[in-house]
PDB file of N, CA and C in Angstrom:
ATOM      1  N   MET A   1     115.999  91.185  76.995  1.00  0.00           N
ATOM      2  CA  MET A   1     115.250  90.488  76.072  1.00  0.00           C
ATOM      3  C   MET A   1     116.213  89.295  75.650  1.00  0.00           C
ATOM      4  N   ALA A   2     115.522  88.176  75.783  1.00  0.00           N
ATOM      5  CA  ALA A   2     116.151  86.908  75.324  1.00  0.00           C
ATOM      6  C   ALA A   2     116.642  86.810  73.844  1.00  0.00           C
ATOM      7  N   ASP A   3     117.576  86.225  73.580  1.00  0.00           N
ATOM      8  CA  ASP A   3     118.001  86.090  72.262  1.00  0.00           C
ATOM      9  C   ASP A   3     117.128  85.118  71.592  1.00  0.00           C
ATOM     10  N   ILE A   4     116.782  85.308  70.231  1.00  0.00           N
ATOM     11  CA  ILE A   4     115.819  84.380  69.763  1.00  0.00           C
ATOM     12  C   ILE A   4     116.709  83.353  69.077  1.00  0.00           C
ATOM     13  N   PHE A   5     117.984  83.436  68.984  1.00  0.00           N
ATOM     14  CA  PHE A   5     118.717  82.515  68.139  1.00  0.00           C
ATOM     15  C   PHE A   5     119.662  81.655  69.096  1.00  0.00           C
ATOM     16  N   TYR A   6     119.982  80.480  68.941  1.00  0.00           N
ATOM     17  CA  TYR A   6     121.014  79.801  69.784  1.00  0.00           C
ATOM     18  C   TYR A   6     122.039  79.342  68.642  1.00  0.00           C
ATOM     19  N   GLU A   7     123.294  79.622  68.977  1.00  0.00           N
ATOM     20  CA  GLU A   7     124.249  78.998  67.901  1.00  0.00           C
ATOM     21  C   GLU A   7     125.236  78.205  68.589  1.00  0.00           C
ATOM     22  N   THR A   8     125.388  76.973  67.743  1.00  0.00           N
ATOM     23  CA  THR A   8     126.260  75.801  68.293  1.00  0.00           C
ATOM     24  C   THR A   8     126.936  75.327  67.036  1.00  0.00           C
ATOM     25  N   GLY A   9     128.303  75.204  66.941  1.00  0.00           N
ATOM     26  CA  GLY A   9     128.935  74.519  65.957  1.00  0.00           C
ATOM     27  C   GLY A   9     128.879  75.212  64.766  1.00  0.00           C
ATOM     28  N   GLY A  10     128.668  76.765  64.826  1.00  0.00           N
ATOM     29  CA  GLY A  10     128.636  77.515  63.520  1.00  0.00           C
ATOM     30  C   GLY A  10     127.209  77.503  62.942  1.00  0.00           C
ATOM     31  N   VAL A  11     126.226  76.847  63.600  1.00  0.00           N
ATOM     32  CA  VAL A  11     124.898  76.747  63.004  1.00  0.00           C
ATOM     33  C   VAL A  11     124.046  77.747  64.005  1.00  0.00           C
ATOM     34  N   LYS A  12     123.416  78.647  63.317  1.00  0.00           N
ATOM     35  CA  LYS A  12     122.354  79.479  64.110  1.00  0.00           C
ATOM     36  C   LYS A  12     120.860  78.850  64.047  1.00  0.00           C
ATOM     37  N   LEU A  13     120.512  78.583  65.199  1.00  0.00           N
ATOM     38  CA  LEU A  13     119.074  77.899  65.223  1.00  0.00           C
ATOM     39  C   LEU A  13     118.153  78.892  66.061  1.00  0.00           C
ATOM     40  N   ARG A  14     116.864  78.949  65.548  1.00  0.00           N
ATOM     41  CA  ARG A  14     115.962  79.652  66.195  1.00  0.00           C
ATOM     42  C   ARG A  14     115.601  78.830  67.447  1.00  0.00           C
ATOM     43  N   ARG A  15     115.231  79.478  68.542  1.00  0.00           N
ATOM     44  CA  ARG A  15     114.870  79.000  69.698  1.00  0.00           C
ATOM     45  C   ARG A  15     113.464  78.526  69.885  1.00  0.00           C
ATOM     46  N   LYS A  16     112.680  79.060  68.954  1.00  0.00           N
ATOM     47  CA  LYS A  16     111.133  78.704  68.799  1.00  0.00           C
ATOM     48  C   LYS A  16     110.872  78.703  67.329  1.00  0.00           C
ATOM     49  N   ILE A  17     110.109  77.690  66.925  1.00  0.00           N
ATOM     50  CA  ILE A  17     109.712  77.588  65.441  1.00  0.00           C
ATOM     51  C   ILE A  17     108.437  76.887  65.425  1.00  0.00           C
ATOM     52  N   THR A  18     107.757  77.152  64.212  1.00  0.00           N
ATOM     53  CA  THR A  18     106.449  76.368  64.080  1.00  0.00           C
ATOM     54  C   THR A  18     106.793  75.050  63.537  1.00  0.00           C
ATOM     55  N   VAL A  19     105.808  74.098  63.531  1.00  0.00           N
ATOM     56  CA  VAL A  19     106.007  72.844  62.853  1.00  0.00           C
ATOM     57  C   VAL A  19     106.346  73.008  61.458  1.00  0.00           C
ATOM     58  N   ALA A  20     105.735  73.931  60.793  1.00  0.00           N
ATOM     59  CA  ALA A  20     106.006  74.128  59.167  1.00  0.00           C
ATOM     60  C   ALA A  20     107.492  74.575  58.947  1.00  0.00           C
ATOM     61  N   GLU A  21     108.189  75.378  59.932  1.00  0.00           N
ATOM     62  CA  GLU A  21     109.524  75.643  59.737  1.00  0.00           C
ATOM     63  C   GLU A  21     110.500  74.579  60.083  1.00  0.00           C
ATOM     64  N   LEU A  22     110.052  73.326  60.589  1.00  0.00           N
ATOM     65  CA  LEU A  22     110.900  72.556  61.042  1.00  0.00           C
ATOM     66  C   LEU A  22     111.949  71.917  59.883  1.00  0.00           C
ATOM     67  N   GLU A  23     111.221  71.949  58.671  1.00  0.00           N
ATOM     68  CA  GLU A  23     111.989  71.284  57.413  1.00  0.00           C
ATOM     69  C   GLU A  23     113.056  72.110  57.160  1.00  0.00           C
ATOM     70  N   SER A  24     113.174  73.555  57.535  1.00  0.00           N
ATOM     71  CA  SER A  24     114.296  74.653  57.172  1.00  0.00           C
ATOM     72  C   SER A  24     115.567  74.294  58.158  1.00  0.00           C
ATOM     73  N   VAL A  25     115.193  73.598  59.306  1.00  0.00           N
ATOM     74  CA  VAL A  25     116.295  73.254  60.284  1.00  0.00           C
ATOM     75  C   VAL A  25     117.133  71.957  59.559  1.00  0.00           C
ATOM     76  N   PRO A  26     118.565  72.233  59.773  1.00  0.00           N
ATOM     77  CA  PRO A  26     119.343  71.229  59.433  1.00  0.00           C
ATOM     78  C   PRO A  26     119.033  69.776  60.189  1.00  0.00           C
ATOM     79  N   GLU A  27     118.927  68.852  59.233  1.00  0.00           N
ATOM     80  CA  GLU A  27     118.560  67.502  59.789  1.00  0.00           C
ATOM     81  C   GLU A  27     119.146  66.995  60.868  1.00  0.00           C
ATOM     82  N   PRO A  28     120.466  67.225  61.244  1.00  0.00           N
ATOM     83  CA  PRO A  28     120.936  66.745  62.485  1.00  0.00           C
ATOM     84  C   PRO A  28     120.223  67.280  63.746  1.00  0.00           C
ATOM     85  N   TYR A  29     119.657  68.441  63.491  1.00  0.00           N
ATOM     86  CA  TYR A  29     119.436  69.372  64.710  1.00  0.00           C
ATOM     87  C   TYR A  29     117.824  69.319  64.993  1.00  0.00           C
ATOM     88  N   ARG A  30     117.094  68.637  63.979  1.00  0.00           N
ATOM     89  CA  ARG A  30     115.589  68.521  64.135  1.00  0.00           C
ATOM     90  C   ARG A  30     115.114  67.753  65.409  1.00  0.00           C
ATOM     91  N   LEU A  31     115.880  67.033  65.855  1.00  0.00           N
ATOM     92  CA  LEU A  31     115.453  66.172  67.137  1.00  0.00           C
ATOM     93  C   LEU A  31     115.619  67.078  68.252  1.00  0.00           C
ATOM     94  N   ALA A  32     116.190  68.074  68.173  1.00  0.00           N
ATOM     95  CA  ALA A  32     116.636  69.255  69.431  1.00  0.00           C
ATOM     96  C   ALA A  32     115.257  69.784  69.545  1.00  0.00           C
ATOM     97  N   TYR A  33     114.238  69.918  68.799  1.00  0.00           N
ATOM     98  CA  TYR A  33     113.063  70.684  68.981  1.00  0.00           C
ATOM     99  C   TYR A  33     112.011  69.641  69.423  1.00  0.00           C
ATOM    100  N   GLY A  34     111.076  70.362  70.290  1.00  0.00           N
ATOM    101  CA  GLY A  34     110.054  69.537  70.999  1.00  0.00           C
ATOM    102  C   GLY A  34     108.956  70.514  71.437  1.00  0.00           C
ATOM    103  N   GLU A  35     107.806  70.040  71.726  1.00  0.00           N
ATOM    104  CA  GLU A  35     106.731  70.892  72.071  1.00  0.00           C
ATOM    105  C   GLU A  35     106.768  71.401  73.248  1.00  0.00           C
ATOM    106  N   ARG A  36     107.506  70.822  74.406  1.00  0.00           N
ATOM    107  CA  ARG A  36     107.681  71.353  75.671  1.00  0.00           C
ATOM    108  C   ARG A  36     106.420  71.855  76.429  1.00  0.00           C
ATOM    109  N   GLY A  37     105.233  71.276  76.094  1.00  0.00           N
ATOM    110  CA  GLY A  37     104.083  71.659  76.682  1.00  0.00           C
ATOM    111  C   GLY A  37     103.484  73.040  76.409  1.00  0.00           C
ATOM    112  N   HIS A  38     103.953  73.577  75.365  1.00  0.00           N
ATOM    113  CA  HIS A  38     103.317  75.011  74.851  1.00  0.00           C
ATOM    114  C   HIS A  38     102.053  74.711  74.324  1.00  0.00           C
ATOM    115  N   ALA A  39     100.990  75.428  74.763  1.00  0.00           N
ATOM    116  CA  ALA A  39      99.790  75.330  73.984  1.00  0.00           C
ATOM    117  C   ALA A  39      99.524  75.841  72.543  1.00  0.00           C
ATOM    118  N   ASP A  40     100.425  76.822  72.259  1.00  0.00           N
ATOM    119  CA  ASP A  40     100.513  77.331  70.823  1.00  0.00           C
ATOM    120  C   ASP A  40     100.941  76.380  69.740  1.00  0.00           C
ATOM    121  N   GLY A  41     101.581  75.248  70.329  1.00  0.00           N
ATOM    122  CA  GLY A  41     101.863  73.971  69.224  1.00  0.00           C
ATOM    123  C   GLY A  41     103.364  74.427  68.714  1.00  0.00           C
ATOM    124  N   ASP A  42     103.849  75.423  69.161  1.00  0.00           N
ATOM    125  CA  ASP A  42     105.209  75.945  68.577  1.00  0.00           C
ATOM    126  C   ASP A  42     106.338  74.860  68.960  1.00  0.00           C
ATOM    127  N   LEU A  43     107.405  74.584  68.262  1.00  0.00           N
ATOM    128  CA  LEU A  43     108.401  73.755  68.752  1.00  0.00           C
ATOM    129  C   LEU A  43     109.493  74.492  69.438  1.00  0.00           C
ATOM    130  N   VAL A  44     110.069  74.252  70.686  1.00  0.00           N
ATOM    131  CA  VAL A  44     111.245  74.907  71.373  1.00  0.00           C
ATOM    132  C   VAL A  44     112.368  74.032  71.311  1.00  0.00           C
ATOM    133  N   LEU A  45     113.502  74.697  71.092  1.00  0.00           N
ATOM    134  CA  LEU A  45     114.752  74.228  71.014  1.00  0.00           C
ATOM    135  C   LEU A  45     115.359  73.873  72.341  1.00  0.00           C
ATOM    136  N   SER A  46     115.767  72.682  72.457  1.00  0.00           N
ATOM    137  CA  SER A  46     116.774  72.298  73.559  1.00  0.00           C
ATOM    138  C   SER A  46     118.185  72.510  73.175  1.00  0.00           C
ATOM    139  N   SER A  47     118.892  73.483  73.948  1.00  0.00           N
ATOM    140  CA  SER A  47     120.236  73.846  73.676  1.00  0.00           C
ATOM    141  C   SER A  47     120.970  72.650  74.127  1.00  0.00           C
ATOM    142  N   ARG A  48     120.757  71.845  75.085  1.00  0.00           N
ATOM    143  CA  ARG A  48     121.534  70.688  75.413  1.00  0.00           C
ATOM    144  C   ARG A  48     121.490  69.791  74.160  1.00  0.00           C
ATOM    145  N   ALA A  49     120.421  69.480  73.696  1.00  0.00           N
ATOM    146  CA  ALA A  49     120.270  68.487  72.533  1.00  0.00           C
ATOM    147  C   ALA A  49     120.938  69.097  71.360  1.00  0.00           C
ATOM    148  N   ALA A  50     120.948  70.279  70.946  1.00  0.00           N
ATOM    149  CA  ALA A  50     121.625  70.922  69.953  1.00  0.00           C
ATOM    150  C   ALA A  50     123.102  70.887  70.038  1.00  0.00           C
ATOM    151  N   ASP A  51     123.669  71.027  71.317  1.00  0.00           N
ATOM    152  CA  ASP A  51     124.989  70.913  71.533  1.00  0.00           C
ATOM    153  C   ASP A  51     125.490  69.437  71.472  1.00  0.00           C
ATOM    154  N   TYR A  52     124.552  68.426  71.831  1.00  0.00           N
ATOM    155  CA  TYR A  52     124.884  67.160  71.792  1.00  0.00           C
ATOM    156  C   TYR A  52     125.080  66.763  70.263  1.00  0.00           C
ATOM    157  N   ALA A  53     124.203  67.143  69.373  1.00  0.00           N
ATOM    158  CA  ALA A  53     124.076  67.037  67.980  1.00  0.00           C
ATOM    159  C   ALA A  53     125.397  67.464  67.482  1.00  0.00           C
ATOM    160  N   THR A  54     125.751  68.679  67.755  1.00  0.00           N
ATOM    161  CA  THR A  54     127.110  69.400  67.240  1.00  0.00           C
ATOM    162  C   THR A  54     128.228  68.308  67.740  1.00  0.00           C
ATOM    163  N   SER A  55     128.378  68.038  69.077  1.00  0.00           N
ATOM    164  CA  SER A  55     129.410  67.057  69.514  1.00  0.00           C
ATOM    165  C   SER A  55     129.380  65.722  68.521  1.00  0.00           C
ATOM    166  N   ALA A  56     128.172  65.137  68.357  1.00  0.00           N
ATOM    167  CA  ALA A  56     128.097  63.990  67.607  1.00  0.00           C
ATOM    168  C   ALA A  56     128.754  64.169  66.038  1.00  0.00           C
ATOM    169  N   LEU A  57     128.328  65.291  65.402  1.00  0.00           N
ATOM    170  CA  LEU A  57     128.733  65.521  64.129  1.00  0.00           C
ATOM    171  C   LEU A  57     130.313  65.760  64.190  1.00  0.00           C
ATOM    172  N   ALA A  58     130.891  66.403  65.043  1.00  0.00           N
ATOM    173  CA  ALA A  58     132.374  66.561  65.219  1.00  0.00           C
ATOM    174  C   ALA A  58     133.010  65.276  65.478  1.00  0.00           C
ATOM    175  N   GLU A  59     132.376  64.501  66.179  1.00  0.00           N
ATOM    176  CA  GLU A  59     132.923  63.109  66.471  1.00  0.00           C
ATOM    177  C   GLU A  59     132.945  62.258  65.030  1.00  0.00           C
ATOM    178  N   ILE A  60     131.881  62.374  64.387  1.00  0.00           N
ATOM    179  CA  ILE A  60     131.796  61.781  63.134  1.00  0.00           C
ATOM    180  C   ILE A  60     132.637  61.960  62.058  1.00  0.00           C
ATOM    181  N   ALA A  61     132.916  63.491  62.154  1.00  0.00           N
ATOM    182  CA  ALA A  61     133.913  64.012  61.104  1.00  0.00           C
ATOM    183  C   ALA A  61     135.414  63.387  61.542  1.00  0.00           C
ATOM    184  N   GLU A  62     135.684  63.291  62.802  1.00  0.00           N
ATOM    185  CA  GLU A  62     136.934  62.991  63.310  1.00  0.00           C
ATOM    186  C   GLU A  62     137.035  61.551  62.971  1.00  0.00           C
ATOM    187  N   LEU A  63     136.005  60.578  63.273  1.00  0.00           N
ATOM    188  CA  LEU A  63     136.217  59.216  62.764  1.00  0.00           C
ATOM    189  C   LEU A  63     136.258  59.016  61.330  1.00  0.00           C
ATOM    190  N   ASN A  64     135.661  59.960  60.412  1.00  0.00           N
ATOM    191  CA  ASN A  64     135.749  59.715  59.114  1.00  0.00           C
ATOM    192  C   ASN A  64     137.248  60.178  58.842  1.00  0.00           C
ATOM    193  N   ALA A  65     137.727  61.192  59.252  1.00  0.00           N
ATOM    194  CA  ALA A  65     139.210  61.570  58.841  1.00  0.00           C
ATOM    195  C   ALA A  65     140.189  60.254  59.181  1.00  0.00           C
ATOM    196  N   LYS A  66     139.922  59.703  60.299  1.00  0.00           N
ATOM    197  CA  LYS A  66     140.782  58.667  60.719  1.00  0.00           C
ATOM    198  C   LYS A  66     140.672  57.522  59.778  1.00  0.00           C
ATOM    199  N   ILE A  67     139.302  57.124  59.408  1.00  0.00           N
ATOM    200  CA  ILE A  67     139.246  56.247  58.235  1.00  0.00           C
ATOM    201  C   ILE A  67     139.933  56.423  57.171  1.00  0.00           C
ATOM    202  N   GLU A  68     139.661  57.614  56.387  1.00  0.00           N
ATOM    203  CA  GLU A  68     140.681  58.065  55.461  1.00  0.00           C
ATOM    204  C   GLU A  68     142.082  57.955  55.467  1.00  0.00           C
ATOM    205  N   LYS A  69     142.514  58.110  56.578  1.00  0.00           N
ATOM    206  CA  LYS A  69     144.031  58.223  56.919  1.00  0.00           C
ATOM    207  C   LYS A  69     144.361  56.574  56.894  1.00  0.00           C
ATOM    208  N   LEU A  70     143.672  55.732  57.572  1.00  0.00           N
ATOM    209  CA  LEU A  70     143.726  54.210  57.478  1.00  0.00           C
ATOM    210  C   LEU A  70     143.772  53.946  56.163  1.00  0.00           C
ATOM    211  N   LYS A  71     143.014  54.343  55.263  1.00  0.00           N
ATOM    212  CA  LYS A  71     142.874  53.832  53.846  1.00  0.00           C
ATOM    213  C   LYS A  71     144.098  54.021  52.923  1.00  0.00           C
ATOM    214  N   ALA A  72     144.583  55.117  53.397  1.00  0.00           N
ATOM    215  CA  ALA A  72     145.913  55.687  52.518  1.00  0.00           C
ATOM    216  C   ALA A  72     147.217  54.877  52.846  1.00  0.00           C
TER     217      ALA A  72
END
């Protein structure tokens, strides 16, 4: 049986959600969901897009740390 969750960067995301549940997803990961041609209207997680969001968030945190170091 396939796992219903996908974990990336310490964030646990459901692989399939309804449109109404999208608000409960952390904002940086919302773009990782799309319809993917399902007739039921549910949104399906793209694990590649979720991993990309995790990488982008890590890079932003690293850059912010460098900025703070330069300010000091």
